[in-house]
Amino acid sequence: MSKYEFITVWCFKAPVESVWNEIKNTECWPKWWKGVKEVVEVTKGDDLGVGKICHYTWKGVLPYKLRFSMLTTCVRPLKLIEGVAEGELNGKGTWYFFQIDNITVVRYDWTIQTNKFWMNVLSPLARPLFRWNHNVVMRWGKEGLKNNLE
């Protein structure tokens, strides 16, 4: 398996509560995040969302889709959402939320390993393309969320 680590930072002129609600409600992502093709909630989780499991299908610029499930393992309202991915990607994702004056800063740390045979075989050569594709998808997310918050 090939390992990847990504850090994405988004800034919005919006209250942290608004940004939090949009990111926490992953079932709505396909409405505003171009790269998210489908989100299916499998398990609801507790009142905070801990234990929630969703199946995701993602599609970037490159001609492949990625499918994985995400189990929410930790939620600190308006501060942090953490989950563990399993499927064509295995790993951990953590959303961090900060409010600085009237700006909400969101940081997403994504540490994963690929499970698709062809991705692992091509990784030594295609790693820059996979990283570029990830960055495009995250840019789509920022743009979509910004538009959705306005």
C-alpha atoms as a PDB file:
ATOM      1  CA  MET A   1       0.000   0.000   0.000  1.00  0.00           C
ATOM      2  CA  SER A   2       1.103   3.543  -0.731  1.00  0.00           C
ATOM      3  CA  LYS A   3       0.813   6.115   2.047  1.00  0.00           C
ATOM      4  CA  TYR A   4      -0.248   9.733   1.526  1.00  0.00           C
ATOM      5  CA  GLU A   5      -0.507  12.674   3.904  1.00  0.00           C
ATOM      6  CA  PHE A   6      -2.482  15.769   2.977  1.00  0.00           C
ATOM      7  CA  ILE A   7      -3.170  18.995   4.860  1.00  0.00           C
ATOM      8  CA  THR A   8      -5.816  21.373   3.531  1.00  0.00           C
ATOM      9  CA  VAL A   9      -6.682  24.777   4.998  1.00  0.00           C
ATOM     10  CA  TRP A  10      -9.815  26.720   4.101  1.00  0.00           C
ATOM     11  CA  CYS A  11     -10.826  30.207   5.324  1.00  0.00           C
ATOM     12  CA  PHE A  12     -14.351  31.634   5.190  1.00  0.00           C
ATOM     13  CA  LYS A  13     -15.973  34.912   6.181  1.00  0.00           C
ATOM     14  CA  ALA A  14     -18.687  33.064   8.061  1.00  0.00           C
ATOM     15  CA  PRO A  15     -19.471  32.052  11.623  1.00  0.00           C
ATOM     16  CA  VAL A  16     -17.859  28.814  12.757  1.00  0.00           C
ATOM     17  CA  GLU A  17     -21.339  27.403  13.476  1.00  0.00           C
ATOM     18  CA  SER A  18     -22.361  27.737   9.819  1.00  0.00           C
ATOM     19  CA  VAL A  19     -19.171  26.139   8.508  1.00  0.00           C
ATOM     20  CA  TRP A  20     -19.365  23.382  11.136  1.00  0.00           C
ATOM     21  CA  ASN A  21     -22.962  22.512  10.188  1.00  0.00           C
ATOM     22  CA  GLU A  22     -22.142  22.199   6.494  1.00  0.00           C
ATOM     23  CA  ILE A  23     -19.111  19.989   7.064  1.00  0.00           C
ATOM     24  CA  LYS A  24     -20.723  17.878   9.798  1.00  0.00           C
ATOM     25  CA  ASN A  25     -23.734  17.062   7.568  1.00  0.00           C
ATOM     26  CA  THR A  26     -21.822  14.946   5.077  1.00  0.00           C
ATOM     27  CA  GLU A  27     -24.972  13.607   3.418  1.00  0.00           C
ATOM     28  CA  CYS A  28     -25.428  17.109   1.925  1.00  0.00           C
ATOM     29  CA  TRP A  29     -21.908  17.322   0.480  1.00  0.00           C
ATOM     30  CA  PRO A  30     -22.922  16.127  -3.019  1.00  0.00           C
ATOM     31  CA  LYS A  31     -25.171  19.208  -3.278  1.00  0.00           C
ATOM     32  CA  TRP A  32     -22.246  21.624  -2.981  1.00  0.00           C
ATOM     33  CA  TRP A  33     -18.998  19.609  -3.348  1.00  0.00           C
ATOM     34  CA  LYS A  34     -18.363  18.719  -6.975  1.00  0.00           C
ATOM     35  CA  GLY A  35     -16.059  15.749  -6.246  1.00  0.00           C
ATOM     36  CA  VAL A  36     -18.481  13.995  -3.900  1.00  0.00           C
ATOM     37  CA  LYS A  37     -20.687  11.759  -6.013  1.00  0.00           C
ATOM     38  CA  GLU A  38     -22.553   9.950  -3.235  1.00  0.00           C
ATOM     39  CA  VAL A  39     -22.794   9.789   0.549  1.00  0.00           C
ATOM     40  CA  VAL A  40     -24.928   7.079   2.126  1.00  0.00           C
ATOM     41  CA  GLU A  41     -25.434   7.026   5.876  1.00  0.00           C
ATOM     42  CA  VAL A  42     -25.220   3.447   7.148  1.00  0.00           C
ATOM     43  CA  THR A  43     -25.207   4.031  10.920  1.00  0.00           C
ATOM     44  CA  LYS A  44     -26.450   7.201  12.611  1.00  0.00           C
ATOM     45  CA  GLY A  45     -24.139   7.314  15.637  1.00  0.00           C
ATOM     46  CA  ASP A  46     -24.835   9.039  18.956  1.00  0.00           C
ATOM     47  CA  ASP A  47     -26.172  12.564  19.516  1.00  0.00           C
ATOM     48  CA  LEU A  48     -22.811  14.088  18.560  1.00  0.00           C
ATOM     49  CA  GLY A  49     -22.360  11.760  15.588  1.00  0.00           C
ATOM     50  CA  VAL A  50     -19.735   9.493  17.156  1.00  0.00           C
ATOM     51  CA  GLY A  51     -20.206   6.016  15.712  1.00  0.00           C
ATOM     52  CA  LYS A  52     -21.752   7.362  12.506  1.00  0.00           C
ATOM     53  CA  ILE A  53     -20.746   5.387   9.424  1.00  0.00           C
ATOM     54  CA  CYS A  54     -21.162   6.703   5.873  1.00  0.00           C
ATOM     55  CA  HIS A  55     -20.197   5.214   2.523  1.00  0.00           C
ATOM     56  CA  TYR A  56     -18.586   7.750   0.168  1.00  0.00           C
ATOM     57  CA  THR A  57     -17.972   7.791  -3.563  1.00  0.00           C
ATOM     58  CA  TRP A  58     -15.517  10.437  -4.803  1.00  0.00           C
ATOM     59  CA  LYS A  59     -14.495  11.424  -8.338  1.00  0.00           C
ATOM     60  CA  GLY A  60     -11.805  13.932  -9.167  1.00  0.00           C
ATOM     61  CA  VAL A  61     -10.344  15.001 -12.503  1.00  0.00           C
ATOM     62  CA  LEU A  62      -8.552  11.700 -13.146  1.00  0.00           C
ATOM     63  CA  PRO A  63     -10.638   8.867 -14.662  1.00  0.00           C
ATOM     64  CA  TYR A  64     -11.334   6.796 -11.547  1.00  0.00           C
ATOM     65  CA  LYS A  65     -13.618   6.822  -8.515  1.00  0.00           C
ATOM     66  CA  LEU A  66     -12.711   6.053  -4.916  1.00  0.00           C
ATOM     67  CA  ARG A  67     -15.133   4.347  -2.543  1.00  0.00           C
ATOM     68  CA  PHE A  68     -14.679   3.981   1.181  1.00  0.00           C
ATOM     69  CA  SER A  69     -16.572   4.065   4.462  1.00  0.00           C
ATOM     70  CA  MET A  70     -15.876   6.555   7.204  1.00  0.00           C
ATOM     71  CA  LEU A  71     -16.507   5.873  10.886  1.00  0.00           C
ATOM     72  CA  THR A  72     -16.731   9.030  13.018  1.00  0.00           C
ATOM     73  CA  THR A  73     -14.591   8.376  16.090  1.00  0.00           C
ATOM     74  CA  CYS A  74     -14.454  11.759  17.851  1.00  0.00           C
ATOM     75  CA  VAL A  75     -16.556  14.922  17.801  1.00  0.00           C
ATOM     76  CA  ARG A  76     -15.863  18.081  19.799  1.00  0.00           C
ATOM     77  CA  PRO A  77     -18.594  20.523  18.743  1.00  0.00           C
ATOM     78  CA  LEU A  78     -17.317  23.507  16.771  1.00  0.00           C
ATOM     79  CA  LYS A  79     -13.722  22.278  17.254  1.00  0.00           C
ATOM     80  CA  LEU A  80     -13.039  18.850  15.737  1.00  0.00           C
ATOM     81  CA  ILE A  81     -14.472  15.931  13.765  1.00  0.00           C
ATOM     82  CA  GLU A  82     -12.328  12.829  13.401  1.00  0.00           C
ATOM     83  CA  GLY A  83     -12.920   9.626  11.514  1.00  0.00           C
ATOM     84  CA  VAL A  84     -11.361   6.429  10.254  1.00  0.00           C
ATOM     85  CA  ALA A  85     -11.632   5.402   6.602  1.00  0.00           C
ATOM     86  CA  GLU A  86     -11.834   1.833   5.333  1.00  0.00           C
ATOM     87  CA  GLY A  87     -12.216   0.555   1.794  1.00  0.00           C
ATOM     88  CA  GLU A  88     -10.280   1.594  -1.306  1.00  0.00           C
ATOM     89  CA  LEU A  89      -8.561   4.014   1.087  1.00  0.00           C
ATOM     90  CA  ASN A  90      -7.673   3.237   4.695  1.00  0.00           C
ATOM     91  CA  GLY A  91      -6.643   5.908   7.141  1.00  0.00           C
ATOM     92  CA  LYS A  92      -7.664   8.820   9.302  1.00  0.00           C
ATOM     93  CA  GLY A  93      -9.202  12.201   8.601  1.00  0.00           C
ATOM     94  CA  THR A  94      -9.533  15.076  11.039  1.00  0.00           C
ATOM     95  CA  TRP A  95     -11.373  18.371  10.562  1.00  0.00           C
ATOM     96  CA  TYR A  96     -10.262  21.228  12.857  1.00  0.00           C
ATOM     97  CA  PHE A  97     -12.299  24.440  13.228  1.00  0.00           C
ATOM     98  CA  PHE A  98     -11.032  27.814  14.483  1.00  0.00           C
ATOM     99  CA  GLN A  99     -12.741  31.207  14.683  1.00  0.00           C
ATOM    100  CA  ILE A 100     -10.470  34.261  14.312  1.00  0.00           C
ATOM    101  CA  ASP A 101     -12.509  37.470  14.444  1.00  0.00           C
ATOM    102  CA  ASN A 102     -15.072  37.047  11.638  1.00  0.00           C
ATOM    103  CA  ILE A 103     -13.043  34.379   9.796  1.00  0.00           C
ATOM    104  CA  THR A 104     -13.525  30.640  10.239  1.00  0.00           C
ATOM    105  CA  VAL A 105     -10.423  28.591   9.527  1.00  0.00           C
ATOM    106  CA  VAL A 106     -10.883  24.913   8.702  1.00  0.00           C
ATOM    107  CA  ARG A 107      -7.961  22.519   8.543  1.00  0.00           C
ATOM    108  CA  TYR A 108      -8.313  18.974   7.231  1.00  0.00           C
ATOM    109  CA  ASP A 109      -5.587  16.408   7.906  1.00  0.00           C
ATOM    110  CA  TRP A 110      -5.943  13.268   5.766  1.00  0.00           C
ATOM    111  CA  THR A 111      -3.493  10.394   6.232  1.00  0.00           C
ATOM    112  CA  ILE A 112      -4.363   7.395   4.095  1.00  0.00           C
ATOM    113  CA  GLN A 113      -3.095   4.327   2.331  1.00  0.00           C
ATOM    114  CA  THR A 114      -4.408   3.224  -1.048  1.00  0.00           C
ATOM    115  CA  ASN A 115      -5.802  -0.299  -1.436  1.00  0.00           C
ATOM    116  CA  LYS A 116      -6.341  -0.349  -5.197  1.00  0.00           C
ATOM    117  CA  PHE A 117      -3.731  -2.601  -6.799  1.00  0.00           C
ATOM    118  CA  TRP A 118      -3.222  -0.389  -9.839  1.00  0.00           C
ATOM    119  CA  MET A 119      -2.770   2.726  -7.688  1.00  0.00           C
ATOM    120  CA  ASN A 120      -0.101   1.006  -5.612  1.00  0.00           C
ATOM    121  CA  VAL A 121       1.725  -0.266  -8.697  1.00  0.00           C
ATOM    122  CA  LEU A 122       1.650   3.174 -10.342  1.00  0.00           C
ATOM    123  CA  SER A 123       2.356   5.120  -7.156  1.00  0.00           C
ATOM    124  CA  PRO A 124       6.091   5.678  -7.764  1.00  0.00           C
ATOM    125  CA  LEU A 125       5.270   7.485 -11.026  1.00  0.00           C
ATOM    126  CA  ALA A 126       1.702   8.688 -10.487  1.00  0.00           C
ATOM    127  CA  ARG A 127       2.054  10.045  -6.928  1.00  0.00           C
ATOM    128  CA  PRO A 128       2.271  13.684  -8.151  1.00  0.00           C
ATOM    129  CA  LEU A 129      -0.878  13.161 -10.246  1.00  0.00           C
ATOM    130  CA  PHE A 130      -2.753  11.607  -7.308  1.00  0.00           C
ATOM    131  CA  ARG A 131      -1.687  14.521  -5.090  1.00  0.00           C
ATOM    132  CA  TRP A 132      -2.768  17.047  -7.768  1.00  0.00           C
ATOM    133  CA  ASN A 133      -6.133  15.273  -8.142  1.00  0.00           C
ATOM    134  CA  HIS A 134      -6.681  15.383  -4.373  1.00  0.00           C
ATOM    135  CA  ASN A 135      -5.872  19.114  -4.307  1.00  0.00           C
ATOM    136  CA  VAL A 136      -8.347  19.810  -7.125  1.00  0.00           C
ATOM    137  CA  VAL A 137     -11.107  17.956  -5.271  1.00  0.00           C
ATOM    138  CA  MET A 138     -10.362  19.911  -2.102  1.00  0.00           C
ATOM    139  CA  ARG A 139     -10.403  23.190  -4.056  1.00  0.00           C
ATOM    140  CA  TRP A 140     -13.847  22.215  -5.396  1.00  0.00           C
ATOM    141  CA  GLY A 141     -14.938  21.653  -1.802  1.00  0.00           C
ATOM    142  CA  LYS A 142     -13.744  25.072  -0.691  1.00  0.00           C
ATOM    143  CA  GLU A 143     -15.420  26.803  -3.646  1.00  0.00           C
ATOM    144  CA  GLY A 144     -18.663  24.864  -3.181  1.00  0.00           C
ATOM    145  CA  LEU A 145     -18.813  25.519   0.541  1.00  0.00           C
ATOM    146  CA  LYS A 146     -18.048  29.211   0.052  1.00  0.00           C
ATOM    147  CA  ASN A 147     -20.917  29.486  -2.443  1.00  0.00           C
ATOM    148  CA  ASN A 148     -23.219  27.503  -0.156  1.00  0.00           C
ATOM    149  CA  LEU A 149     -22.468  29.790   2.796  1.00  0.00           C
ATOM    150  CA  GLU A 150     -23.315  32.981   0.851  1.00  0.00           C
END
